[in-house]
Amino acid sequence: MITPTSNVTTPPASASTQDVATLNGDFTFFLKMLTTQLKNQDPTEPMDVSQMTAQIAQYSSVEQQIKTNKNLESLLSANKQSQLSTAVSYIGKEVETVGNTGNLVSGQATFSYYLPQAATSVSVVVTDASGRAVFQGSGTTKNGANLVVWDGKNSFTNAQEADGEYTISVQAQDAEGKAIAADTRAVGTVAAVQNNKGGNITLTVGTVQVPYDQILAVRLPTRVVLPGGGGGNS
């Protein structure tokens, strides 16, 4: 015999809801105390009405603030749901975030770097998890976004490297031979989206969890047919 069970749990009340309950309890207690004071006051020295009015006004002010907080909670919740819907649409897409890594999958890895100005020459080096250089070549030199697409072939041995995470480093120079600071970015495909208990949205990109607000670019996965083996760029 199978006994039915339920895993449904009641969500905790929001902070503003709890505050309202506390305020209502305090105000009820205040009214009881006020009624008692009025019943037992000395007729020759009646209670100061201005003080009573001030206390009631204070409760009213706190109640309005709680209502405002509740409205803000509703807006934040709606914003989180909107972010979650957008983040879910990233699944299967290629994204860029802070870093310098790319994932070699089925013989292709994509890396990204940004140049603040056009360069005369760009040298790209790809290393594996142990720090071993597996590819060295030239990158594109345009101002702004530049992509490097590597087919996993070791430029030193011509051997095919194993799938996994690799790191890129970029050195760029202008016409006078001066270094140009290149801003590298981590590139990967979104596999899943999570909304944790704290309400923070993260995306699974490769082997890491990336906060939603750290996504810098989103696009369809880069697919480039590279001629003749070795590394390439687009």
Protein backbone atom coordinates (compact mmCIF):
# COMPACT_ATOMS: atom_id res chain seq x y z
CA MET A 1 0.00 0.00 0.00
CA ILE A 2 1.32 3.43 -0.95
CA THR A 3 0.71 6.21 1.53
CA PRO A 4 0.37 9.58 -0.18
CA THR A 5 2.71 12.27 1.09
CA SER A 6 3.03 15.95 0.41
CA ASN A 7 6.25 17.90 -0.16
CA VAL A 8 4.47 21.22 -0.39
CA THR A 9 5.78 23.75 2.10
CA THR A 10 4.28 27.09 3.01
CA PRO A 11 6.56 29.92 1.86
CA PRO A 12 7.80 32.16 4.68
CA ALA A 13 6.06 35.49 5.12
CA SER A 14 7.85 38.50 3.71
CA ALA A 15 9.57 40.98 6.01
CA SER A 16 6.87 43.60 5.42
CA THR A 17 4.09 41.11 6.23
CA GLN A 18 5.83 40.20 9.49
CA ASP A 19 6.28 43.91 10.28
CA VAL A 20 2.58 44.57 9.72
CA ALA A 21 1.67 41.76 12.13
CA THR A 22 4.06 43.15 14.74
CA LEU A 23 2.75 46.70 14.28
CA ASN A 24 -0.87 45.56 14.59
CA GLY A 25 -0.04 43.74 17.81
CA ASP A 26 1.77 46.76 19.23
CA PHE A 27 -1.03 49.13 18.22
CA THR A 28 -3.65 46.87 19.82
CA PHE A 29 -1.61 46.84 23.02
CA PHE A 30 -1.24 50.64 22.81
CA LEU A 31 -5.03 51.10 22.50
CA LYS A 32 -5.64 48.82 25.48
CA MET A 33 -3.15 50.81 27.56
CA LEU A 34 -4.68 54.10 26.36
CA THR A 35 -8.20 52.93 27.24
CA THR A 36 -7.03 51.89 30.70
CA GLN A 37 -5.34 55.26 31.22
CA LEU A 38 -8.48 57.15 30.15
CA LYS A 39 -10.66 55.10 32.51
CA ASN A 40 -8.37 55.71 35.45
CA GLN A 41 -7.19 59.25 34.79
CA ASP A 42 -7.59 61.97 37.37
CA PRO A 43 -10.50 64.20 36.19
CA THR A 44 -8.72 67.21 37.63
CA GLU A 45 -5.56 66.45 35.62
CA PRO A 46 -6.73 64.89 32.34
CA MET A 47 -4.31 63.15 29.98
CA ASP A 48 -2.44 65.39 27.50
CA VAL A 49 -4.34 64.94 24.22
CA SER A 50 -1.44 66.28 22.13
CA GLN A 51 0.83 63.49 23.39
CA MET A 52 -1.82 60.87 22.56
CA THR A 53 -2.25 62.36 19.06
CA ALA A 54 1.49 62.31 18.51
CA GLN A 55 1.68 58.61 19.43
CA ILE A 56 -1.16 57.71 17.05
CA ALA A 57 0.48 59.76 14.29
CA GLN A 58 3.73 57.87 14.87
CA TYR A 59 1.97 54.52 14.41
CA SER A 60 0.35 55.84 11.22
CA SER A 61 3.75 56.93 9.88
CA VAL A 62 5.29 53.51 10.58
CA GLU A 63 2.32 51.80 8.88
CA GLN A 64 2.81 53.90 5.74
CA GLN A 65 6.50 53.06 5.68
CA ILE A 66 5.72 49.35 5.94
CA LYS A 67 3.27 49.63 3.04
CA THR A 68 5.96 51.37 0.99
CA ASN A 69 8.40 48.56 1.81
CA LYS A 70 5.81 45.98 0.77
CA ASN A 71 5.36 47.70 -2.59
CA LEU A 72 9.14 47.73 -3.07
CA GLU A 73 9.27 44.02 -2.28
CA SER A 74 6.66 43.40 -4.98
CA LEU A 75 8.65 45.43 -7.51
CA LEU A 76 11.89 43.59 -6.65
CA SER A 77 10.13 40.23 -6.95
CA ALA A 78 8.75 41.16 -10.37
CA ASN A 79 12.22 42.32 -11.46
CA LYS A 80 13.77 39.02 -10.31
CA GLN A 81 11.18 37.04 -12.29
CA SER A 82 11.95 39.14 -15.36
CA GLN A 83 15.69 38.53 -14.91
CA LEU A 84 15.08 34.80 -14.47
CA SER A 85 13.05 34.63 -17.69
CA THR A 86 15.83 36.46 -19.54
CA ALA A 87 18.53 34.25 -18.02
CA VAL A 88 16.65 31.08 -19.06
CA SER A 89 16.69 32.34 -22.66
CA TYR A 90 20.52 32.28 -22.44
CA ILE A 91 20.61 28.47 -22.19
CA GLY A 92 22.48 27.14 -25.21
CA LYS A 93 23.84 30.61 -26.01
CA GLU A 94 27.47 31.69 -25.91
CA VAL A 95 28.20 34.32 -23.28
CA GLU A 96 31.12 36.49 -22.25
CA THR A 97 32.03 37.34 -18.70
CA VAL A 98 35.03 38.62 -16.76
CA GLY A 99 38.04 36.32 -17.17
CA ASN A 100 40.30 34.83 -19.83
CA THR A 101 39.11 31.27 -20.40
CA GLY A 102 37.44 29.30 -23.15
CA ASN A 103 36.21 25.70 -23.35
CA LEU A 104 37.48 23.37 -26.06
CA VAL A 105 34.49 21.21 -27.04
CA SER A 106 34.51 18.82 -29.99
CA GLY A 107 37.54 20.51 -31.51
CA GLN A 108 36.62 24.16 -31.12
CA ALA A 109 37.19 26.82 -28.46
CA THR A 110 36.27 30.49 -28.59
CA PHE A 111 38.09 33.28 -26.77
CA SER A 112 37.43 37.01 -26.68
CA TYR A 113 39.40 40.18 -26.11
CA TYR A 114 38.70 43.91 -26.48
CA LEU A 115 41.14 46.54 -27.67
CA PRO A 116 40.72 50.22 -26.70
CA GLN A 117 42.25 51.18 -30.07
CA ALA A 118 43.31 49.51 -33.28
CA ALA A 119 46.61 47.66 -32.97
CA THR A 120 49.39 47.00 -35.47
CA SER A 121 50.10 43.52 -34.15
CA VAL A 122 48.45 41.11 -31.72
CA SER A 123 50.02 37.95 -30.34
CA VAL A 124 47.78 35.29 -28.81
CA VAL A 125 48.92 32.43 -26.55
CA VAL A 126 46.65 29.65 -25.35
CA THR A 127 47.67 27.56 -22.33
CA ASP A 128 46.16 24.48 -20.70
CA ALA A 129 45.25 23.95 -17.03
CA SER A 130 48.88 23.22 -16.12
CA GLY A 131 50.12 26.44 -17.74
CA ARG A 132 51.62 24.67 -20.77
CA ALA A 133 51.43 26.70 -23.97
CA VAL A 134 49.49 24.77 -26.59
CA PHE A 135 48.96 27.45 -29.22
CA GLN A 136 50.61 30.66 -30.32
CA GLY A 137 49.51 32.82 -33.23
CA SER A 138 48.32 36.20 -34.42
CA GLY A 139 45.00 37.77 -33.48
CA THR A 140 42.86 40.38 -35.17
CA THR A 141 43.83 43.99 -34.52
CA LYS A 142 40.60 45.99 -34.77
CA ASN A 143 39.40 48.46 -32.17
CA GLY A 144 36.73 46.86 -29.93
CA ALA A 145 35.66 43.22 -29.85
CA ASN A 146 37.90 40.51 -31.28
CA LEU A 147 37.25 36.76 -31.26
CA VAL A 148 39.79 33.96 -31.40
CA VAL A 149 38.56 30.56 -32.57
CA TRP A 150 40.94 27.66 -31.91
CA ASP A 151 40.44 24.17 -33.31
CA GLY A 152 42.41 22.48 -30.53
CA LYS A 153 45.50 21.75 -32.64
CA ASN A 154 48.78 22.29 -30.79
CA SER A 155 50.70 24.82 -32.90
CA PHE A 156 54.02 23.44 -31.60
CA THR A 157 53.43 19.68 -32.07
CA ASN A 158 50.34 19.65 -34.35
CA ALA A 159 48.75 17.19 -31.90
CA GLN A 160 45.06 17.48 -31.07
CA GLU A 161 44.55 18.73 -27.50
CA ALA A 162 41.90 17.23 -25.25
CA ASP A 163 38.58 18.95 -24.61
CA GLY A 164 38.57 21.11 -21.50
CA GLU A 165 39.15 24.62 -20.23
CA TYR A 166 41.99 26.69 -21.64
CA THR A 167 43.33 30.18 -20.94
CA ILE A 168 44.22 32.96 -23.37
CA SER A 169 46.75 35.76 -22.99
CA VAL A 170 46.99 38.66 -25.44
CA GLN A 171 49.80 41.09 -26.21
CA ALA A 172 48.99 43.97 -28.52
CA GLN A 173 51.19 46.79 -29.89
CA ASP A 174 50.56 50.01 -31.77
CA ALA A 175 52.54 51.36 -34.74
CA GLU A 176 55.23 52.71 -32.43
CA GLY A 177 55.70 49.39 -30.70
CA LYS A 178 53.97 50.54 -27.53
CA ALA A 179 51.88 48.02 -25.64
CA ILE A 180 48.09 48.27 -25.81
CA ALA A 181 46.18 46.86 -22.84
CA ALA A 182 43.84 44.12 -24.09
CA ASP A 183 40.76 43.28 -22.02
CA THR A 184 40.32 39.51 -22.17
CA ARG A 185 36.98 37.88 -21.40
CA ALA A 186 35.90 34.37 -20.48
CA VAL A 187 33.71 32.68 -23.09
CA GLY A 188 31.43 29.68 -22.64
CA THR A 189 28.02 28.19 -23.38
CA VAL A 190 25.25 28.41 -20.80
CA ALA A 191 24.09 24.96 -19.70
CA ALA A 192 21.70 25.83 -16.86
CA VAL A 193 20.23 28.65 -14.78
CA GLN A 194 19.71 28.65 -10.99
CA ASN A 195 17.78 30.90 -8.64
CA ASN A 196 19.20 30.30 -5.16
CA LYS A 197 17.55 30.82 -1.77
CA GLY A 198 18.85 34.37 -1.58
CA GLY A 199 17.09 35.22 -4.84
CA ASN A 200 20.38 35.55 -6.74
CA ILE A 201 20.41 34.21 -10.30
CA THR A 202 23.48 32.34 -11.55
CA LEU A 203 24.27 30.67 -14.87
CA THR A 204 26.27 27.48 -15.30
CA VAL A 205 28.96 28.26 -17.89
CA GLY A 206 31.39 25.42 -18.38
CA THR A 207 32.43 24.37 -14.88
CA VAL A 208 31.70 27.65 -13.11
CA GLN A 209 28.67 29.52 -11.76
CA VAL A 210 28.45 33.05 -13.16
CA PRO A 211 26.23 35.70 -11.51
CA TYR A 212 23.58 37.02 -13.89
CA ASP A 213 24.80 40.62 -13.54
CA GLN A 214 28.31 39.63 -14.66
CA ILE A 215 27.23 38.58 -18.17
CA LEU A 216 28.85 41.06 -20.58
CA ALA A 217 27.70 39.71 -23.96
CA VAL A 218 25.32 37.08 -25.35
CA ARG A 219 25.25 35.55 -28.85
CA LEU A 220 24.63 32.37 -30.79
CA PRO A 221 27.53 29.90 -30.42
CA THR A 222 30.47 30.78 -32.64
CA ARG A 223 30.95 28.23 -35.40
CA VAL A 224 33.85 28.72 -37.78
CA VAL A 225 35.32 26.23 -40.25
CA LEU A 226 39.06 26.64 -40.02
CA PRO A 227 41.14 25.70 -43.09
CA GLY A 228 44.15 23.45 -42.81
CA GLY A 229 44.09 22.78 -39.05
CA GLY A 230 45.86 24.78 -36.35
CA GLY A 231 44.46 27.86 -34.65
CA GLY A 232 42.32 30.55 -36.21
CA ASN A 233 40.52 33.74 -35.44
CA SER A 234 37.52 35.67 -36.63
